[in-house]
Amino acid sequence: MRYTKGSIKINNDLNRIDKELNNNKNVGKNITILENYLNQPYFKTRVKKILFKGYMQIRKIDKAYNLIKELYESTKEETALMDLVKLLLDSGLVDKAKEYVNDAYFSNEKIYLLGLIYEYEGNYEDAIATLKKLNHTLMEEDMHIELGCIYEYMHNLKSAKEEFKCLLKTDKRYQATLRLIKIAFGESDPKLPELIQSFDIDNCKHQGDIVQYKRCVKYYKYLRGELIDEDIETYFDRQLYSYSKDRALQHVSKRHLLKGTLYKLNDDINLAEVYDYCTSNLKHLVRKDDTDMYLVKMPYDIGYLMDYKTDLLEVVVIPNTNKILTMYPVARIGRYEKMLEKEGKVKDEQ
């Protein structure tokens, strides 16, 4: 390709936009620019990759799915396959994800995605065995992150911490440190202050990691009684102190009305009744950190992901309370089925 003044401008724009989207800046404006560049033949593939990132940030899942599906089927690129399969898994479409992975050429990315599929199915031992094949490869860091998350699902926090500690001298050290901090919250670990101090915020480049870290610091101060009225500035601070039922329902309603999102609540449900039911049925703890997450099985279909109905909600609460921050439908994937199955066995034994 011969670079002209126009193509140099587009290339510079794409470099800038990619960087800004990584830091969640000017998302709407940049998406508009990218959509206008879709008709540039020499840049089409790169534009689609960056635009996919933008659509995911504003939760335009329908557009993101169509874009990445088209990109993978036309290029067979491994990075596009990774994005496509992860989106399908998050949508609960495990069988569809399997089809794409099974048809893909053998690669480290394929091994990684097979491990993810086992994880979503709840086959943790197979997931661990598969992912460990990536040791001493270019995807070793991704392996440690995913293994750590799987061990957390298994409530094997000792092994989870070992996986995250493997990354403390790598490019994924910020992500790993955040997971270690959040595990320490749940364990009331006396080394929590040391972990918080070890996060090098001045050199962290990813805006999402910085936001998560600041939430952790505020939560730590809140637990110690050091967060006073004069310090309350952010949305997260207000959640910790006074997040009412009305405020939570307003938040849920606002997200429910967004078009193109991954999930949708049924139009005929009474959100206030759902809220009350959930506060009394927080049995399945999925994750415990600066916001605790529970799985709640509703006695009826609550909504759907894409075109698939579900009766499950993920419910996010203020830590150690039943004060709900938000809730949304999730798919009946294998790891959640196992949690429900365990509850059923306990009831039968009683």
Protein backbone atom coordinates (compact mmCIF):
# COMPACT_ATOMS: atom_id res chain seq x y z
CA MET A 1 0.00 0.00 0.00
CA ARG A 2 1.32 3.44 -0.94
CA TYR A 3 0.69 5.97 1.82
CA THR A 4 -0.99 9.22 0.81
CA LYS A 5 -1.75 12.23 2.97
CA GLY A 6 -5.29 10.87 3.48
CA SER A 7 -4.17 7.37 4.46
CA ILE A 8 -1.59 8.78 6.90
CA LYS A 9 -4.38 10.76 8.58
CA ILE A 10 -6.57 7.65 8.87
CA ASN A 11 -3.67 5.63 10.26
CA ASN A 12 -2.95 8.33 12.87
CA ASP A 13 -6.65 8.54 13.74
CA LEU A 14 -6.83 4.77 14.26
CA ASN A 15 -3.76 4.81 16.50
CA ARG A 16 -5.26 7.58 18.61
CA ILE A 17 -8.73 6.04 18.78
CA ASP A 18 -7.39 2.63 19.75
CA LYS A 19 -5.46 4.20 22.61
CA GLU A 20 -8.42 6.28 23.75
CA LEU A 21 -10.81 3.31 23.70
CA ASN A 22 -8.33 1.34 25.81
CA ASN A 23 -8.72 4.12 28.38
CA ASN A 24 -12.49 4.45 27.87
CA LYS A 25 -12.21 8.00 26.49
CA ASN A 26 -14.45 9.72 23.91
CA VAL A 27 -16.14 6.39 23.15
CA GLY A 28 -19.25 7.70 21.37
CA LYS A 29 -17.35 10.21 19.26
CA ASN A 30 -14.71 7.65 18.28
CA ILE A 31 -17.31 5.05 17.31
CA THR A 32 -18.84 7.54 14.88
CA ILE A 33 -15.44 8.17 13.30
CA LEU A 34 -14.77 4.44 12.99
CA GLU A 35 -18.16 3.77 11.38
CA ASN A 36 -17.33 6.40 8.76
CA TYR A 37 -14.03 4.63 8.05
CA LEU A 38 -15.66 1.26 7.33
CA ASN A 39 -15.74 2.10 3.62
CA GLN A 40 -11.95 2.46 3.47
CA PRO A 41 -10.83 -0.83 1.82
CA TYR A 42 -7.20 -0.75 2.99
CA PHE A 43 -8.17 -0.15 6.61
CA LYS A 44 -11.42 -2.14 6.87
CA THR A 45 -10.06 -5.06 8.92
CA ARG A 46 -8.27 -2.83 11.42
CA VAL A 47 -11.28 -0.52 11.71
CA LYS A 48 -13.53 -3.47 12.51
CA LYS A 49 -11.19 -4.71 15.24
CA ILE A 50 -11.14 -1.33 16.97
CA LEU A 51 -14.87 -0.72 16.40
CA PHE A 52 -15.66 -4.07 18.04
CA LYS A 53 -13.90 -2.82 21.15
CA GLY A 54 -16.00 0.36 21.10
CA TYR A 55 -19.30 -1.47 20.69
CA MET A 56 -18.42 -3.74 23.62
CA GLN A 57 -17.68 -0.74 25.83
CA ILE A 58 -21.12 0.78 25.25
CA ARG A 59 -22.77 -2.68 25.43
CA LYS A 60 -24.03 -2.68 21.84
CA ILE A 61 -23.69 -6.43 21.86
CA ASP A 62 -25.80 -7.07 18.77
CA LYS A 63 -23.58 -4.81 16.65
CA ALA A 64 -20.41 -6.18 18.25
CA TYR A 65 -21.48 -9.77 17.58
CA ASN A 66 -22.35 -9.19 13.91
CA LEU A 67 -19.11 -7.28 13.37
CA ILE A 68 -16.75 -9.83 14.93
CA LYS A 69 -18.60 -12.77 13.34
CA GLU A 70 -18.20 -11.20 9.89
CA LEU A 71 -14.55 -10.36 10.58
CA TYR A 72 -13.64 -13.88 11.71
CA GLU A 73 -15.49 -15.63 8.90
CA SER A 74 -13.75 -13.46 6.30
CA THR A 75 -10.22 -13.53 7.78
CA LYS A 76 -10.03 -16.61 10.09
CA GLU A 77 -7.74 -14.52 12.32
CA GLU A 78 -7.07 -16.04 15.75
CA THR A 79 -7.63 -12.74 17.58
CA ALA A 80 -11.06 -12.41 15.98
CA LEU A 81 -11.83 -16.01 16.96
CA MET A 82 -10.90 -15.21 20.57
CA ASP A 83 -13.23 -12.21 20.68
CA LEU A 84 -16.08 -14.07 18.98
CA VAL A 85 -15.92 -17.12 21.23
CA LYS A 86 -15.65 -15.07 24.42
CA LEU A 87 -18.72 -13.07 23.40
CA LEU A 88 -20.66 -16.28 22.66
CA LEU A 89 -19.66 -17.79 26.01
CA ASP A 90 -20.71 -14.66 27.89
CA SER A 91 -24.03 -14.92 26.07
CA GLY A 92 -24.43 -18.50 27.30
CA LEU A 93 -24.15 -19.86 23.76
CA VAL A 94 -21.64 -22.57 24.67
CA ASP A 95 -22.62 -24.97 21.88
CA LYS A 96 -22.21 -22.24 19.26
CA ALA A 97 -18.82 -21.32 20.72
CA LYS A 98 -17.80 -24.99 20.48
CA GLU A 99 -18.65 -25.07 16.77
CA TYR A 100 -16.28 -22.20 16.02
CA VAL A 101 -13.47 -23.59 18.19
CA ASN A 102 -13.76 -27.13 16.79
CA ASP A 103 -13.56 -25.81 13.23
CA ALA A 104 -10.54 -23.60 13.95
CA TYR A 105 -6.98 -24.51 13.04
CA PHE A 106 -4.84 -25.95 15.85
CA SER A 107 -3.12 -23.18 17.80
CA ASN A 108 -2.39 -22.03 21.34
CA GLU A 109 -5.45 -19.79 21.04
CA LYS A 110 -7.59 -22.85 20.28
CA ILE A 111 -6.25 -24.64 23.38
CA TYR A 112 -7.03 -21.55 25.47
CA LEU A 113 -10.59 -21.33 24.14
CA LEU A 114 -11.19 -25.05 24.74
CA GLY A 115 -10.14 -24.42 28.35
CA LEU A 116 -12.65 -21.56 28.57
CA ILE A 117 -15.43 -23.77 27.20
CA TYR A 118 -14.71 -26.42 29.84
CA GLU A 119 -14.77 -23.67 32.48
CA TYR A 120 -18.16 -22.35 31.34
CA GLU A 121 -19.51 -25.90 31.30
CA GLY A 122 -18.38 -26.32 34.89
CA ASN A 123 -15.83 -29.01 33.98
CA TYR A 124 -13.11 -27.36 36.04
CA GLU A 125 -10.66 -30.26 36.11
CA ASP A 126 -10.72 -30.54 32.30
CA ALA A 127 -10.38 -26.75 32.05
CA ILE A 128 -7.31 -26.75 34.29
CA ALA A 129 -5.66 -29.67 32.46
CA THR A 130 -6.28 -28.03 29.08
CA LEU A 131 -5.05 -24.58 30.07
CA LYS A 132 -1.87 -25.97 31.63
CA LYS A 133 -0.82 -27.08 28.15
CA LEU A 134 -0.09 -23.39 27.52
CA ASN A 135 2.80 -23.38 30.01
CA HIS A 136 6.03 -22.08 28.39
CA THR A 137 4.12 -20.60 25.43
CA LEU A 138 3.37 -17.01 24.44
CA MET A 139 -0.03 -17.43 26.13
CA GLU A 140 1.39 -18.44 29.51
CA GLU A 141 0.29 -15.15 31.14
CA ASP A 142 -3.28 -15.60 29.90
CA MET A 143 -3.14 -19.14 31.28
CA HIS A 144 -2.25 -17.94 34.79
CA ILE A 145 -5.04 -15.34 34.83
CA GLU A 146 -7.66 -17.85 33.72
CA LEU A 147 -6.45 -20.59 36.08
CA GLY A 148 -6.61 -18.12 38.95
CA CYS A 149 -10.21 -17.24 38.08
CA ILE A 150 -11.16 -20.93 37.84
CA TYR A 151 -9.65 -21.66 41.24
CA GLU A 152 -11.68 -18.76 42.63
CA TYR A 153 -14.86 -20.34 41.25
CA MET A 154 -13.78 -23.57 42.96
CA HIS A 155 -13.18 -21.62 46.21
CA ASN A 156 -9.57 -22.85 46.14
CA LEU A 157 -8.13 -19.46 47.04
CA LYS A 158 -4.66 -20.79 47.89
CA SER A 159 -4.18 -22.03 44.32
CA ALA A 160 -5.80 -18.88 42.89
CA LYS A 161 -3.28 -16.69 44.70
CA GLU A 162 -0.39 -18.82 43.48
CA GLU A 163 -1.51 -18.32 39.87
CA PHE A 164 -1.87 -14.55 40.24
CA LYS A 165 1.49 -14.25 42.02
CA CYS A 166 3.16 -15.77 38.94
CA LEU A 167 2.25 -12.57 37.07
CA LEU A 168 3.59 -9.93 39.46
CA LYS A 169 6.67 -9.29 37.27
CA THR A 170 4.83 -9.38 33.94
CA ASP A 171 2.70 -7.01 31.87
CA LYS A 172 -0.38 -8.43 33.62
CA ARG A 173 0.88 -7.44 37.08
CA TYR A 174 -1.81 -4.80 37.59
CA GLN A 175 -4.65 -7.18 36.79
CA ALA A 176 -3.09 -9.87 38.99
CA THR A 177 -2.51 -7.46 41.89
CA LEU A 178 -6.16 -6.37 41.76
CA ARG A 179 -7.32 -10.00 42.01
CA LEU A 180 -4.97 -10.58 44.97
CA ILE A 181 -6.30 -7.44 46.69
CA LYS A 182 -9.89 -8.55 46.19
CA ILE A 183 -9.17 -12.05 47.51
CA ALA A 184 -7.50 -10.43 50.53
CA PHE A 185 -10.69 -8.44 51.23
CA GLY A 186 -12.70 -11.66 51.36
CA GLU A 187 -10.16 -13.36 53.64
CA SER A 188 -9.60 -10.31 55.89
CA ASP A 189 -5.91 -10.85 55.14
CA PRO A 190 -3.59 -8.81 57.42
CA LYS A 191 -1.33 -8.29 54.39
CA LEU A 192 -4.06 -6.28 52.63
CA PRO A 193 -2.41 -2.85 53.28
CA GLU A 194 0.86 -4.16 51.83
CA LEU A 195 -0.93 -5.44 48.74
CA ILE A 196 -2.74 -2.15 48.22
CA GLN A 197 0.53 -0.25 48.49
CA SER A 198 2.20 -2.57 45.96
CA PHE A 199 -0.10 -1.41 43.13
CA ASP A 200 2.02 1.02 41.08
CA ILE A 201 -0.76 3.39 40.07
CA ASP A 202 1.65 6.00 38.65
CA ASN A 203 2.87 3.60 35.95
CA CYS A 204 -0.42 1.81 35.26
CA LYS A 205 -1.64 2.69 31.76
CA HIS A 206 -5.03 0.96 31.74
CA GLN A 207 -7.84 3.23 32.91
CA GLY A 208 -10.07 0.30 33.88
CA ASP A 209 -7.44 -1.11 36.25
CA ILE A 210 -6.93 2.34 37.79
CA VAL A 211 -10.68 2.73 38.44
CA GLN A 212 -10.84 -0.72 40.05
CA TYR A 213 -7.84 0.07 42.22
CA LYS A 214 -9.35 3.35 43.42
CA ARG A 215 -12.53 1.47 44.34
CA CYS A 216 -10.47 -0.97 46.39
CA VAL A 217 -8.70 1.88 48.22
CA LYS A 218 -12.02 3.56 49.02
CA TYR A 219 -13.50 0.28 50.25
CA TYR A 220 -10.44 -0.30 52.47
CA LYS A 221 -10.85 3.18 54.01
CA TYR A 222 -14.58 2.52 54.44
CA LEU A 223 -13.89 -0.72 56.35
CA ARG A 224 -11.43 1.10 58.64
CA GLY A 225 -13.84 3.99 59.25
CA GLU A 226 -11.47 6.41 57.53
CA LEU A 227 -13.87 7.49 54.78
CA ILE A 228 -15.63 10.60 56.08
CA ASP A 229 -18.36 12.75 54.55
CA GLU A 230 -15.86 15.21 53.09
CA ASP A 231 -14.24 12.37 51.14
CA ILE A 232 -17.43 11.09 49.53
CA GLU A 233 -17.15 12.05 45.86
CA THR A 234 -17.73 9.10 43.57
CA TYR A 235 -20.65 6.90 42.66
CA PHE A 236 -18.95 4.04 44.51
CA ASP A 237 -18.66 6.12 47.73
CA ARG A 238 -22.38 6.84 47.66
CA GLN A 239 -23.10 3.15 47.14
CA LEU A 240 -21.17 2.24 50.28
CA TYR A 241 -22.99 4.76 52.44
CA SER A 242 -26.52 5.05 51.16
CA TYR A 243 -27.77 3.12 48.17
CA SER A 244 -31.52 2.82 48.47
CA LYS A 245 -33.94 0.37 46.92
CA ASP A 246 -35.33 3.17 44.73
CA ARG A 247 -31.87 4.10 43.51
CA ALA A 248 -31.05 0.50 42.67
CA LEU A 249 -34.30 0.03 40.75
CA GLN A 250 -33.70 3.24 38.79
CA HIS A 251 -30.29 1.91 37.80
CA VAL A 252 -31.71 -1.48 36.75
CA SER A 253 -34.54 0.17 34.78
CA LYS A 254 -32.12 2.44 32.94
CA ARG A 255 -29.96 -0.48 31.83
CA HIS A 256 -33.05 -2.52 30.98
CA LEU A 257 -34.12 0.13 28.45
CA LEU A 258 -30.78 0.17 26.58
CA LYS A 259 -31.03 -1.30 23.10
CA GLY A 260 -28.63 -3.93 21.83
CA THR A 261 -27.36 -5.06 25.22
CA LEU A 262 -26.33 -8.62 26.02
CA TYR A 263 -29.39 -9.25 28.18
CA LYS A 264 -32.96 -8.00 28.52
CA LEU A 265 -35.44 -8.27 31.38
CA ASN A 266 -38.99 -9.32 30.56
CA ASP A 267 -41.26 -6.32 30.10
CA ASP A 268 -44.02 -7.60 32.38
CA ILE A 269 -41.98 -8.18 35.55
CA ASN A 270 -42.38 -6.11 38.71
CA LEU A 271 -38.86 -4.94 39.53
CA ALA A 272 -39.71 -4.08 43.13
CA GLU A 273 -40.96 -7.62 43.74
CA VAL A 274 -37.86 -9.07 42.05
CA TYR A 275 -35.69 -6.88 44.30
CA ASP A 276 -37.45 -8.14 47.43
CA TYR A 277 -37.20 -11.77 46.31
CA CYS A 278 -33.48 -11.42 45.65
CA THR A 279 -32.70 -9.82 49.01
CA SER A 280 -34.20 -12.91 50.68
CA ASN A 281 -32.47 -15.45 48.41
CA LEU A 282 -28.78 -14.54 48.36
CA LYS A 283 -27.60 -18.14 48.78
CA HIS A 284 -25.05 -18.69 46.03
CA LEU A 285 -22.00 -16.47 46.44
CA VAL A 286 -20.22 -16.23 43.08
CA ARG A 287 -17.61 -13.62 43.98
CA LYS A 288 -16.66 -11.73 47.13
CA ASP A 289 -14.66 -8.51 46.99
CA ASP A 290 -15.41 -4.77 46.88
CA THR A 291 -18.87 -5.69 45.54
CA ASP A 292 -20.23 -9.14 46.31
CA MET A 293 -22.03 -11.06 43.57
CA TYR A 294 -24.68 -13.74 44.04
CA LEU A 295 -26.56 -16.08 41.73
CA VAL A 296 -30.33 -16.08 42.31
CA LYS A 297 -32.71 -18.56 40.69
CA MET A 298 -36.10 -16.95 40.10
CA PRO A 299 -39.32 -19.03 40.24
CA TYR A 300 -40.12 -17.91 36.66
CA ASP A 301 -38.36 -16.72 33.48
CA ILE A 302 -36.89 -13.34 34.27
CA GLY A 303 -35.44 -12.35 30.91
CA TYR A 304 -33.19 -13.51 28.12
CA LEU A 305 -29.74 -13.28 26.57
CA MET A 306 -30.00 -12.72 22.84
CA ASP A 307 -32.88 -15.12 22.08
CA TYR A 308 -32.40 -17.53 24.99
CA LYS A 309 -34.71 -17.40 28.00
CA THR A 310 -33.32 -17.63 31.53
CA ASP A 311 -34.58 -17.74 35.10
CA LEU A 312 -31.21 -16.77 36.62
CA LEU A 313 -30.02 -13.40 37.87
CA GLU A 314 -26.60 -12.20 38.88
CA VAL A 315 -27.17 -9.86 41.80
CA VAL A 316 -24.47 -7.39 42.89
CA VAL A 317 -24.66 -6.12 46.48
CA ILE A 318 -22.76 -3.90 48.88
CA PRO A 319 -20.24 -6.22 50.58
CA ASN A 320 -21.49 -8.19 53.59
CA THR A 321 -25.04 -6.87 53.15
CA ASN A 322 -28.19 -7.66 51.20
CA LYS A 323 -28.34 -4.11 49.80
CA ILE A 324 -28.60 -4.60 46.04
CA LEU A 325 -26.66 -2.37 43.66
CA THR A 326 -27.80 -3.98 40.41
CA MET A 327 -29.08 -7.25 38.93
CA TYR A 328 -29.22 -8.71 35.44
CA PRO A 329 -30.17 -11.97 33.70
CA VAL A 330 -27.43 -14.54 33.05
CA ALA A 331 -27.30 -17.75 31.06
CA ARG A 332 -27.73 -21.25 32.49
CA ILE A 333 -24.11 -22.18 31.88
CA GLY A 334 -22.61 -25.32 33.39
CA ARG A 335 -20.78 -23.71 36.30
CA TYR A 336 -24.04 -22.12 37.49
CA GLU A 337 -25.97 -25.35 36.98
CA LYS A 338 -23.49 -27.04 39.32
CA MET A 339 -24.19 -24.48 42.03
CA LEU A 340 -27.93 -25.09 41.71
CA GLU A 341 -27.41 -28.85 41.60
CA LYS A 342 -25.43 -28.69 44.84
CA GLU A 343 -28.28 -26.82 46.53
CA GLY A 344 -30.77 -29.45 45.32
CA LYS A 345 -28.68 -32.27 46.78
CA VAL A 346 -28.50 -30.52 50.14
CA LYS A 347 -32.30 -30.13 50.20
CA ASP A 348 -32.77 -33.83 49.31
CA GLU A 349 -30.46 -34.88 52.14
CA GLN A 350 -32.46 -32.76 54.58
